[in-house]
PDB file of N, CA and C in Angstrom:
ATOM      1  N   MET A   1      -8.700   6.723  41.684  1.00  0.00           N
ATOM      2  CA  MET A   1      -7.873   5.804  42.661  1.00  0.00           C
ATOM      3  C   MET A   1      -6.663   5.602  42.109  1.00  0.00           C
ATOM      4  N   ALA A   2      -6.442   4.927  40.976  1.00  0.00           N
ATOM      5  CA  ALA A   2      -5.276   4.689  40.310  1.00  0.00           C
ATOM      6  C   ALA A   2      -4.386   5.731  40.003  1.00  0.00           C
ATOM      7  N   ASP A   3      -4.924   6.954  39.543  1.00  0.00           N
ATOM      8  CA  ASP A   3      -4.110   8.145  39.378  1.00  0.00           C
ATOM      9  C   ASP A   3      -3.464   8.464  40.821  1.00  0.00           C
ATOM     10  N   ALA A   4      -4.272   8.386  41.972  1.00  0.00           N
ATOM     11  CA  ALA A   4      -3.575   8.990  43.208  1.00  0.00           C
ATOM     12  C   ALA A   4      -2.400   8.130  43.527  1.00  0.00           C
ATOM     13  N   ALA A   5      -2.805   6.716  43.125  1.00  0.00           N
ATOM     14  CA  ALA A   5      -1.727   5.734  43.578  1.00  0.00           C
ATOM     15  C   ALA A   5      -0.464   5.929  42.634  1.00  0.00           C
ATOM     16  N   ASP A   6      -0.660   6.153  41.341  1.00  0.00           N
ATOM     17  CA  ASP A   6       0.427   6.395  40.329  1.00  0.00           C
ATOM     18  C   ASP A   6       1.314   7.741  40.835  1.00  0.00           C
ATOM     19  N   ASP A   7       0.396   8.719  41.276  1.00  0.00           N
ATOM     20  CA  ASP A   7       1.132   9.993  41.707  1.00  0.00           C
ATOM     21  C   ASP A   7       1.911   9.733  42.934  1.00  0.00           C
ATOM     22  N   GLN A   8       1.459   8.972  43.979  1.00  0.00           N
ATOM     23  CA  GLN A   8       2.459   8.709  45.060  1.00  0.00           C
ATOM     24  C   GLN A   8       3.535   7.718  44.757  1.00  0.00           C
ATOM     25  N   ALA A   9       3.386   6.843  43.734  1.00  0.00           N
ATOM     26  CA  ALA A   9       4.546   5.900  43.441  1.00  0.00           C
ATOM     27  C   ALA A   9       5.460   6.820  42.648  1.00  0.00           C
ATOM     28  N   ALA A  10       5.073   7.535  41.758  1.00  0.00           N
ATOM     29  CA  ALA A  10       5.920   8.617  40.871  1.00  0.00           C
ATOM     30  C   ALA A  10       6.909   9.515  41.987  1.00  0.00           C
ATOM     31  N   ALA A  11       6.182   9.974  42.878  1.00  0.00           N
ATOM     32  CA  ALA A  11       6.770  10.841  43.898  1.00  0.00           C
ATOM     33  C   ALA A  11       7.828  10.032  44.747  1.00  0.00           C
ATOM     34  N   ALA A  12       7.601   9.059  44.729  1.00  0.00           N
ATOM     35  CA  ALA A  12       8.735   8.060  45.650  1.00  0.00           C
ATOM     36  C   ALA A  12       9.644   7.492  44.566  1.00  0.00           C
ATOM     37  N   GLY A  13       9.601   7.798  43.390  1.00  0.00           N
ATOM     38  CA  GLY A  13      10.548   7.188  42.327  1.00  0.00           C
ATOM     39  C   GLY A  13      10.190   5.697  42.222  1.00  0.00           C
ATOM     40  N   GLN A  14       9.005   5.100  42.300  1.00  0.00           N
ATOM     41  CA  GLN A  14       8.943   3.747  42.190  1.00  0.00           C
ATOM     42  C   GLN A  14       8.040   3.350  40.913  1.00  0.00           C
ATOM     43  N   LEU A  15       7.937   4.080  40.023  1.00  0.00           N
ATOM     44  CA  LEU A  15       7.217   3.894  38.689  1.00  0.00           C
ATOM     45  C   LEU A  15       8.127   3.232  37.984  1.00  0.00           C
ATOM     46  N   PRO A  16       7.513   1.931  37.237  1.00  0.00           N
ATOM     47  CA  PRO A  16       8.535   1.117  36.441  1.00  0.00           C
ATOM     48  C   PRO A  16       8.304   2.125  35.034  1.00  0.00           C
ATOM     49  N   VAL A  17       9.651   1.603  34.311  1.00  0.00           N
ATOM     50  CA  VAL A  17       9.502   2.255  33.144  1.00  0.00           C
ATOM     51  C   VAL A  17       9.567   1.146  32.173  1.00  0.00           C
ATOM     52  N   THR A  18       8.571   1.096  31.283  1.00  0.00           N
ATOM     53  CA  THR A  18       8.357  -0.156  30.244  1.00  0.00           C
ATOM     54  C   THR A  18       9.044   0.638  29.067  1.00  0.00           C
ATOM     55  N   PRO A  19       9.313  -0.454  28.011  1.00  0.00           N
ATOM     56  CA  PRO A  19       9.906   0.063  26.603  1.00  0.00           C
ATOM     57  C   PRO A  19       8.875   0.408  25.833  1.00  0.00           C
ATOM     58  N   ALA A  20       9.108   1.311  24.842  1.00  0.00           N
ATOM     59  CA  ALA A  20       8.131   2.031  24.003  1.00  0.00           C
ATOM     60  C   ALA A  20       7.818   0.758  22.985  1.00  0.00           C
ATOM     61  N   GLU A  21       6.627   0.683  22.699  1.00  0.00           N
ATOM     62  CA  GLU A  21       6.175  -0.285  21.580  1.00  0.00           C
ATOM     63  C   GLU A  21       5.928   0.269  20.337  1.00  0.00           C
ATOM     64  N   PRO A  22       6.135  -0.338  19.176  1.00  0.00           N
ATOM     65  CA  PRO A  22       5.757   0.243  17.856  1.00  0.00           C
ATOM     66  C   PRO A  22       4.365   0.311  17.790  1.00  0.00           C
ATOM     67  N   PHE A  23       3.841   1.279  16.953  1.00  0.00           N
ATOM     68  CA  PHE A  23       2.285   1.594  16.657  1.00  0.00           C
ATOM     69  C   PHE A  23       2.049   0.528  15.609  1.00  0.00           C
ATOM     70  N   ARG A  24       0.957  -0.307  15.920  1.00  0.00           N
ATOM     71  CA  ARG A  24       0.358  -1.428  15.100  1.00  0.00           C
ATOM     72  C   ARG A  24      -0.829  -1.059  14.523  1.00  0.00           C
ATOM     73  N   GLY A  25      -1.188   0.069  14.033  1.00  0.00           N
ATOM     74  CA  GLY A  25      -2.291   0.232  13.497  1.00  0.00           C
ATOM     75  C   GLY A  25      -3.304   0.972  14.374  1.00  0.00           C
ATOM     76  N   GLY A  26      -4.758   0.696  13.953  1.00  0.00           N
ATOM     77  CA  GLY A  26      -5.814   1.341  14.755  1.00  0.00           C
ATOM     78  C   GLY A  26      -6.229   2.414  13.947  1.00  0.00           C
ATOM     79  N   TYR A  27      -5.983   2.560  12.800  1.00  0.00           N
ATOM     80  CA  TYR A  27      -6.797   3.664  11.905  1.00  0.00           C
ATOM     81  C   TYR A  27      -8.078   3.400  11.671  1.00  0.00           C
ATOM     82  N   ALA A  28      -8.866   4.515  11.357  1.00  0.00           N
ATOM     83  CA  ALA A  28     -10.279   4.264  11.131  1.00  0.00           C
ATOM     84  C   ALA A  28     -10.586   4.226   9.557  1.00  0.00           C
ATOM     85  N   GLU A  29      -9.500   4.002   8.789  1.00  0.00           N
ATOM     86  CA  GLU A  29      -9.636   3.760   7.302  1.00  0.00           C
ATOM     87  C   GLU A  29      -8.882   2.740   6.831  1.00  0.00           C
ATOM     88  N   THR A  30      -9.428   2.326   5.744  1.00  0.00           N
ATOM     89  CA  THR A  30      -8.710   1.113   4.955  1.00  0.00           C
ATOM     90  C   THR A  30      -7.203   1.355   4.538  1.00  0.00           C
ATOM     91  N   PRO A  31      -6.422   0.379   4.342  1.00  0.00           N
ATOM     92  CA  PRO A  31      -5.181   0.907   3.732  1.00  0.00           C
ATOM     93  C   PRO A  31      -5.272   1.708   2.486  1.00  0.00           C
ATOM     94  N   ALA A  32      -6.302   1.100   1.546  1.00  0.00           N
ATOM     95  CA  ALA A  32      -6.392   2.049   0.174  1.00  0.00           C
ATOM     96  C   ALA A  32      -6.858   3.308   0.374  1.00  0.00           C
ATOM     97  N   GLU A  33      -7.710   3.457   1.515  1.00  0.00           N
ATOM     98  CA  GLU A  33      -7.907   4.861   1.705  1.00  0.00           C
ATOM     99  C   GLU A  33      -6.765   5.778   2.270  1.00  0.00           C
ATOM    100  N   THR A  34      -5.996   5.104   3.056  1.00  0.00           N
ATOM    101  CA  THR A  34      -4.756   5.813   3.556  1.00  0.00           C
ATOM    102  C   THR A  34      -3.804   6.160   2.428  1.00  0.00           C
ATOM    103  N   ALA A  35      -3.642   5.218   1.615  1.00  0.00           N
ATOM    104  CA  ALA A  35      -2.784   5.200   0.315  1.00  0.00           C
ATOM    105  C   ALA A  35      -3.324   6.387  -0.605  1.00  0.00           C
ATOM    106  N   ALA A  36      -4.478   6.521  -0.620  1.00  0.00           N
ATOM    107  CA  ALA A  36      -5.363   7.503  -1.492  1.00  0.00           C
ATOM    108  C   ALA A  36      -4.999   8.959  -0.812  1.00  0.00           C
ATOM    109  N   ARG A  37      -5.213   8.853   0.436  1.00  0.00           N
ATOM    110  CA  ARG A  37      -5.162  10.184   1.189  1.00  0.00           C
ATOM    111  C   ARG A  37      -3.645  10.671   0.927  1.00  0.00           C
ATOM    112  N   GLY A  38      -2.643   9.800   1.253  1.00  0.00           N
ATOM    113  CA  GLY A  38      -1.391  10.291   1.002  1.00  0.00           C
ATOM    114  C   GLY A  38      -0.987  10.631  -0.362  1.00  0.00           C
ATOM    115  N   HIS A  39      -1.672  10.008  -1.341  1.00  0.00           N
ATOM    116  CA  HIS A  39      -1.412  10.481  -2.856  1.00  0.00           C
ATOM    117  C   HIS A  39      -2.006  11.811  -2.861  1.00  0.00           C
ATOM    118  N   ALA A  40      -3.093  12.031  -2.427  1.00  0.00           N
ATOM    119  CA  ALA A  40      -4.006  13.320  -2.572  1.00  0.00           C
ATOM    120  C   ALA A  40      -2.861  14.614  -1.912  1.00  0.00           C
ATOM    121  N   ALA A  41      -2.208  14.129  -0.873  1.00  0.00           N
ATOM    122  CA  ALA A  41      -1.569  15.005  -0.191  1.00  0.00           C
ATOM    123  C   ALA A  41      -0.312  15.644  -0.863  1.00  0.00           C
ATOM    124  N   THR A  42       0.182  14.692  -1.783  1.00  0.00           N
ATOM    125  CA  THR A  42       1.254  15.218  -2.750  1.00  0.00           C
ATOM    126  C   THR A  42       0.706  15.874  -4.034  1.00  0.00           C
ATOM    127  N   VAL A  43      -0.545  15.882  -4.229  1.00  0.00           N
ATOM    128  CA  VAL A  43      -0.926  16.569  -5.628  1.00  0.00           C
ATOM    129  C   VAL A  43      -0.631  18.030  -5.470  1.00  0.00           C
ATOM    130  N   ARG A  44      -0.253  18.611  -6.424  1.00  0.00           N
ATOM    131  CA  ARG A  44      -0.071  20.125  -6.383  1.00  0.00           C
ATOM    132  C   ARG A  44      -0.682  20.648  -7.787  1.00  0.00           C
ATOM    133  N   ARG A  45      -1.841  21.146  -7.597  1.00  0.00           N
ATOM    134  CA  ARG A  45      -2.451  21.724  -8.678  1.00  0.00           C
ATOM    135  C   ARG A  45      -2.652  23.305  -8.783  1.00  0.00           C
ATOM    136  N   ARG A  46      -2.560  23.871  -9.695  1.00  0.00           N
ATOM    137  CA  ARG A  46      -2.735  25.320  -9.663  1.00  0.00           C
ATOM    138  C   ARG A  46      -4.000  25.766  -8.837  1.00  0.00           C
ATOM    139  N   GLY A  47      -4.039  26.634  -8.072  1.00  0.00           N
ATOM    140  CA  GLY A  47      -4.847  27.235  -7.178  1.00  0.00           C
ATOM    141  C   GLY A  47      -5.333  26.350  -5.979  1.00  0.00           C
ATOM    142  N   VAL A  48      -4.687  25.264  -5.765  1.00  0.00           N
ATOM    143  CA  VAL A  48      -4.960  24.376  -4.589  1.00  0.00           C
ATOM    144  C   VAL A  48      -3.952  24.649  -3.425  1.00  0.00           C
ATOM    145  N   ARG A  49      -4.496  24.895  -2.348  1.00  0.00           N
ATOM    146  CA  ARG A  49      -3.618  25.332  -1.185  1.00  0.00           C
ATOM    147  C   ARG A  49      -3.504  23.872  -0.366  1.00  0.00           C
ATOM    148  N   PRO A  50      -2.176  23.454  -0.424  1.00  0.00           N
ATOM    149  CA  PRO A  50      -1.820  22.285  -0.010  1.00  0.00           C
ATOM    150  C   PRO A  50      -2.208  22.033   1.701  1.00  0.00           C
ATOM    151  N   HIS A  51      -2.326  23.130   2.436  1.00  0.00           N
ATOM    152  CA  HIS A  51      -2.798  22.919   3.616  1.00  0.00           C
ATOM    153  C   HIS A  51      -4.316  22.559   3.947  1.00  0.00           C
ATOM    154  N   LEU A  52      -4.909  22.689   2.690  1.00  0.00           N
ATOM    155  CA  LEU A  52      -6.441  22.460   2.804  1.00  0.00           C
ATOM    156  C   LEU A  52      -6.669  21.097   1.997  1.00  0.00           C
ATOM    157  N   LEU A  53      -5.672  20.372   1.722  1.00  0.00           N
ATOM    158  CA  LEU A  53      -5.973  18.993   1.260  1.00  0.00           C
ATOM    159  C   LEU A  53      -6.365  17.946   2.188  1.00  0.00           C
ATOM    160  N   GLU A  54      -6.149  18.119   3.334  1.00  0.00           N
ATOM    161  CA  GLU A  54      -6.661  17.350   4.582  1.00  0.00           C
ATOM    162  C   GLU A  54      -7.172  18.194   5.346  1.00  0.00           C
ATOM    163  N   LEU A  55      -8.588  18.173   5.409  1.00  0.00           N
ATOM    164  CA  LEU A  55      -9.183  19.130   6.154  1.00  0.00           C
ATOM    165  C   LEU A  55      -9.991  18.282   7.209  1.00  0.00           C
ATOM    166  N   PRO A  56      -9.810  18.442   8.570  1.00  0.00           N
ATOM    167  CA  PRO A  56     -10.438  17.638   9.536  1.00  0.00           C
ATOM    168  C   PRO A  56     -11.858  17.815   9.638  1.00  0.00           C
ATOM    169  N   LEU A  57     -12.870  17.056   9.618  1.00  0.00           N
ATOM    170  CA  LEU A  57     -14.196  17.557   9.879  1.00  0.00           C
ATOM    171  C   LEU A  57     -14.679  16.974  11.281  1.00  0.00           C
ATOM    172  N   ARG A  58     -15.078  18.025  12.111  1.00  0.00           N
ATOM    173  CA  ARG A  58     -15.556  17.614  13.474  1.00  0.00           C
ATOM    174  C   ARG A  58     -16.886  17.650  13.542  1.00  0.00           C
ATOM    175  N   TYR A  59     -17.305  16.620  14.101  1.00  0.00           N
ATOM    176  CA  TYR A  59     -18.703  16.411  14.556  1.00  0.00           C
ATOM    177  C   TYR A  59     -19.051  16.179  16.060  1.00  0.00           C
ATOM    178  N   PRO A  60     -20.283  16.691  16.577  1.00  0.00           N
ATOM    179  CA  PRO A  60     -20.393  16.418  17.984  1.00  0.00           C
ATOM    180  C   PRO A  60     -20.656  14.821  17.992  1.00  0.00           C
ATOM    181  N   ALA A  61     -20.064  14.439  19.396  1.00  0.00           N
ATOM    182  CA  ALA A  61     -19.751  12.934  19.778  1.00  0.00           C
ATOM    183  C   ALA A  61     -20.885  12.102  19.241  1.00  0.00           C
ATOM    184  N   PRO A  62     -22.167  12.610  19.543  1.00  0.00           N
ATOM    185  CA  PRO A  62     -23.464  11.805  19.300  1.00  0.00           C
ATOM    186  C   PRO A  62     -23.697  11.518  17.910  1.00  0.00           C
ATOM    187  N   LEU A  63     -23.259  12.469  16.964  1.00  0.00           N
ATOM    188  CA  LEU A  63     -23.382  12.229  15.625  1.00  0.00           C
ATOM    189  C   LEU A  63     -22.287  11.620  14.908  1.00  0.00           C
ATOM    190  N   TYR A  64     -21.209  11.430  15.462  1.00  0.00           N
ATOM    191  CA  TYR A  64     -19.913  11.045  14.766  1.00  0.00           C
ATOM    192  C   TYR A  64     -20.160   9.459  14.035  1.00  0.00           C
ATOM    193  N   ALA A  65     -20.710   8.684  14.654  1.00  0.00           N
ATOM    194  CA  ALA A  65     -20.949   7.433  14.135  1.00  0.00           C
ATOM    195  C   ALA A  65     -21.879   7.384  13.051  1.00  0.00           C
ATOM    196  N   GLN A  66     -23.043   8.046  13.259  1.00  0.00           N
ATOM    197  CA  GLN A  66     -24.045   8.303  12.128  1.00  0.00           C
ATOM    198  C   GLN A  66     -23.429   9.065  10.898  1.00  0.00           C
ATOM    199  N   VAL A  67     -22.499   9.919  10.939  1.00  0.00           N
ATOM    200  CA  VAL A  67     -21.902  10.741   9.960  1.00  0.00           C
ATOM    201  C   VAL A  67     -20.982   9.795   9.140  1.00  0.00           C
ATOM    202  N   VAL A  68     -20.083   9.049   9.948  1.00  0.00           N
ATOM    203  CA  VAL A  68     -19.017   8.355   9.287  1.00  0.00           C
ATOM    204  C   VAL A  68     -19.800   7.066   8.533  1.00  0.00           C
ATOM    205  N   ASP A  69     -20.847   6.423   9.247  1.00  0.00           N
ATOM    206  CA  ASP A  69     -21.787   5.406   8.565  1.00  0.00           C
ATOM    207  C   ASP A  69     -22.158   5.756   7.361  1.00  0.00           C
ATOM    208  N   GLY A  70     -22.872   6.852   7.377  1.00  0.00           N
ATOM    209  CA  GLY A  70     -23.422   7.620   6.022  1.00  0.00           C
ATOM    210  C   GLY A  70     -22.338   7.841   5.038  1.00  0.00           C
ATOM    211  N   LEU A  71     -21.377   8.478   5.486  1.00  0.00           N
ATOM    212  CA  LEU A  71     -20.270   8.694   4.340  1.00  0.00           C
ATOM    213  C   LEU A  71     -19.890   7.365   3.706  1.00  0.00           C
ATOM    214  N   ARG A  72     -19.657   6.426   4.567  1.00  0.00           N
ATOM    215  CA  ARG A  72     -19.158   5.154   3.935  1.00  0.00           C
ATOM    216  C   ARG A  72     -20.219   4.501   3.171  1.00  0.00           C
ATOM    217  N   GLU A  73     -21.301   4.625   3.534  1.00  0.00           N
ATOM    218  CA  GLU A  73     -22.538   4.065   2.567  1.00  0.00           C
ATOM    219  C   GLU A  73     -22.405   4.693   1.235  1.00  0.00           C
ATOM    220  N   LEU A  74     -22.458   6.060   1.244  1.00  0.00           N
ATOM    221  CA  LEU A  74     -22.449   6.928   0.295  1.00  0.00           C
ATOM    222  C   LEU A  74     -21.061   6.719  -0.617  1.00  0.00           C
ATOM    223  N   ALA A  75     -19.932   6.413   0.020  1.00  0.00           N
ATOM    224  CA  ALA A  75     -18.741   6.326  -0.689  1.00  0.00           C
ATOM    225  C   ALA A  75     -18.989   4.893  -1.406  1.00  0.00           C
ATOM    226  N   ASP A  76     -19.453   3.997  -0.913  1.00  0.00           N
ATOM    227  CA  ASP A  76     -19.726   2.710  -1.420  1.00  0.00           C
ATOM    228  C   ASP A  76     -20.646   2.747  -2.634  1.00  0.00           C
ATOM    229  N   ARG A  77     -21.757   3.374  -2.372  1.00  0.00           N
ATOM    230  CA  ARG A  77     -22.736   3.648  -3.667  1.00  0.00           C
ATOM    231  C   ARG A  77     -22.036   4.286  -4.930  1.00  0.00           C
ATOM    232  N   ARG A  78     -21.108   5.220  -4.633  1.00  0.00           N
ATOM    233  CA  ARG A  78     -20.473   6.106  -5.673  1.00  0.00           C
ATOM    234  C   ARG A  78     -19.098   5.308  -5.938  1.00  0.00           C
ATOM    235  N   ARG A  79     -18.793   4.291  -5.426  1.00  0.00           N
ATOM    236  CA  ARG A  79     -17.527   3.695  -5.593  1.00  0.00           C
ATOM    237  C   ARG A  79     -16.340   4.567  -5.532  1.00  0.00           C
ATOM    238  N   CYS A  80     -16.236   5.343  -4.242  1.00  0.00           N
ATOM    239  CA  CYS A  80     -15.109   6.114  -4.244  1.00  0.00           C
ATOM    240  C   CYS A  80     -14.680   6.235  -2.889  1.00  0.00           C
ATOM    241  N   THR A  81     -13.638   6.919  -2.394  1.00  0.00           N
ATOM    242  CA  THR A  81     -13.053   6.932  -1.276  1.00  0.00           C
ATOM    243  C   THR A  81     -13.802   7.760  -0.310  1.00  0.00           C
ATOM    244  N   LEU A  82     -13.751   8.134   0.833  1.00  0.00           N
ATOM    245  CA  LEU A  82     -14.409   9.054   1.737  1.00  0.00           C
ATOM    246  C   LEU A  82     -14.088  10.401   1.392  1.00  0.00           C
ATOM    247  N   PRO A  83     -12.678  10.701   1.385  1.00  0.00           N
ATOM    248  CA  PRO A  83     -12.448  12.187   0.738  1.00  0.00           C
ATOM    249  C   PRO A  83     -13.073  12.566  -0.661  1.00  0.00           C
ATOM    250  N   GLU A  84     -13.113  11.486  -1.345  1.00  0.00           N
ATOM    251  CA  GLU A  84     -13.818  11.791  -2.718  1.00  0.00           C
ATOM    252  C   GLU A  84     -15.316  11.976  -2.665  1.00  0.00           C
ATOM    253  N   VAL A  85     -15.992  11.246  -1.703  1.00  0.00           N
ATOM    254  CA  VAL A  85     -17.316  11.425  -1.463  1.00  0.00           C
ATOM    255  C   VAL A  85     -17.681  12.873  -0.856  1.00  0.00           C
ATOM    256  N   VAL A  86     -16.894  13.214   0.082  1.00  0.00           N
ATOM    257  CA  VAL A  86     -17.008  14.557   0.583  1.00  0.00           C
ATOM    258  C   VAL A  86     -16.938  15.553  -0.473  1.00  0.00           C
ATOM    259  N   ALA A  87     -15.861  15.396  -1.385  1.00  0.00           N
ATOM    260  CA  ALA A  87     -15.918  16.486  -2.292  1.00  0.00           C
ATOM    261  C   ALA A  87     -16.895  16.240  -3.283  1.00  0.00           C
ATOM    262  N   LEU A  88     -17.536  15.065  -3.555  1.00  0.00           N
ATOM    263  CA  LEU A  88     -18.605  15.103  -4.437  1.00  0.00           C
ATOM    264  C   LEU A  88     -19.903  15.698  -3.829  1.00  0.00           C
ATOM    265  N   LEU A  89     -20.216  15.622  -2.478  1.00  0.00           N
ATOM    266  CA  LEU A  89     -21.265  15.967  -1.861  1.00  0.00           C
ATOM    267  C   LEU A  89     -21.243  17.550  -1.942  1.00  0.00           C
ATOM    268  N   VAL A  90     -19.988  18.118  -1.659  1.00  0.00           N
ATOM    269  CA  VAL A  90     -19.835  19.567  -1.656  1.00  0.00           C
ATOM    270  C   VAL A  90     -20.032  20.221  -2.976  1.00  0.00           C
ATOM    271  N   ALA A  91     -19.489  19.446  -4.242  1.00  0.00           N
ATOM    272  CA  ALA A  91     -19.753  19.873  -5.426  1.00  0.00           C
ATOM    273  C   ALA A  91     -21.225  19.792  -5.727  1.00  0.00           C
ATOM    274  N   ASP A  92     -21.955  18.569  -5.462  1.00  0.00           N
ATOM    275  CA  ASP A  92     -23.349  18.556  -5.688  1.00  0.00           C
ATOM    276  C   ASP A  92     -24.120  19.652  -5.070  1.00  0.00           C
ATOM    277  N   GLU A  93     -23.790  19.820  -3.849  1.00  0.00           N
ATOM    278  CA  GLU A  93     -24.476  20.877  -3.128  1.00  0.00           C
ATOM    279  C   GLU A  93     -24.591  22.287  -3.815  1.00  0.00           C
ATOM    280  N   LEU A  94     -23.250  22.555  -4.214  1.00  0.00           N
ATOM    281  CA  LEU A  94     -22.832  23.806  -4.950  1.00  0.00           C
ATOM    282  C   LEU A  94     -23.209  23.837  -6.293  1.00  0.00           C
ATOM    283  N   GLY A  95     -23.800  22.685  -6.943  1.00  0.00           N
ATOM    284  CA  GLY A  95     -24.246  22.677  -8.217  1.00  0.00           C
ATOM    285  C   GLY A  95     -22.974  22.670  -9.124  1.00  0.00           C
ATOM    286  N   ARG A  96     -21.805  22.345  -8.778  1.00  0.00           N
ATOM    287  CA  ARG A  96     -20.546  22.249  -9.667  1.00  0.00           C
ATOM    288  C   ARG A  96     -20.330  20.794 -10.047  1.00  0.00           C
ATOM    289  N   SER A  97     -19.668  20.683 -11.055  1.00  0.00           N
ATOM    290  CA  SER A  97     -19.191  19.341 -11.589  1.00  0.00           C
ATOM    291  C   SER A  97     -17.758  19.084 -10.962  1.00  0.00           C
ATOM    292  N   THR A  98     -17.323  17.869 -10.917  1.00  0.00           N
ATOM    293  CA  THR A  98     -15.876  17.628 -10.355  1.00  0.00           C
ATOM    294  C   THR A  98     -15.244  16.860 -11.341  1.00  0.00           C
TER     295      THR A  98
END
């Protein structure tokens, strides 16, 4: 209903224009995790492909909260960041040391 009203107002040139607001946060990670992720993105090691330093992990919506909660718990137990715990889990699964 609201979309139809907005469409009619737009067609009549009657939509108000509001000023843009600055982004004030809303990230799902802590400031320390953001800083760690930013630092990791600048790391250049031999054999590392920079475009893979930040790899999005997608989960079906019903599993998202469970996966994120589990990763946070594991990160807390291992005293590391979420990206570090993902790397550790992959290394553990493959039998490699990090």
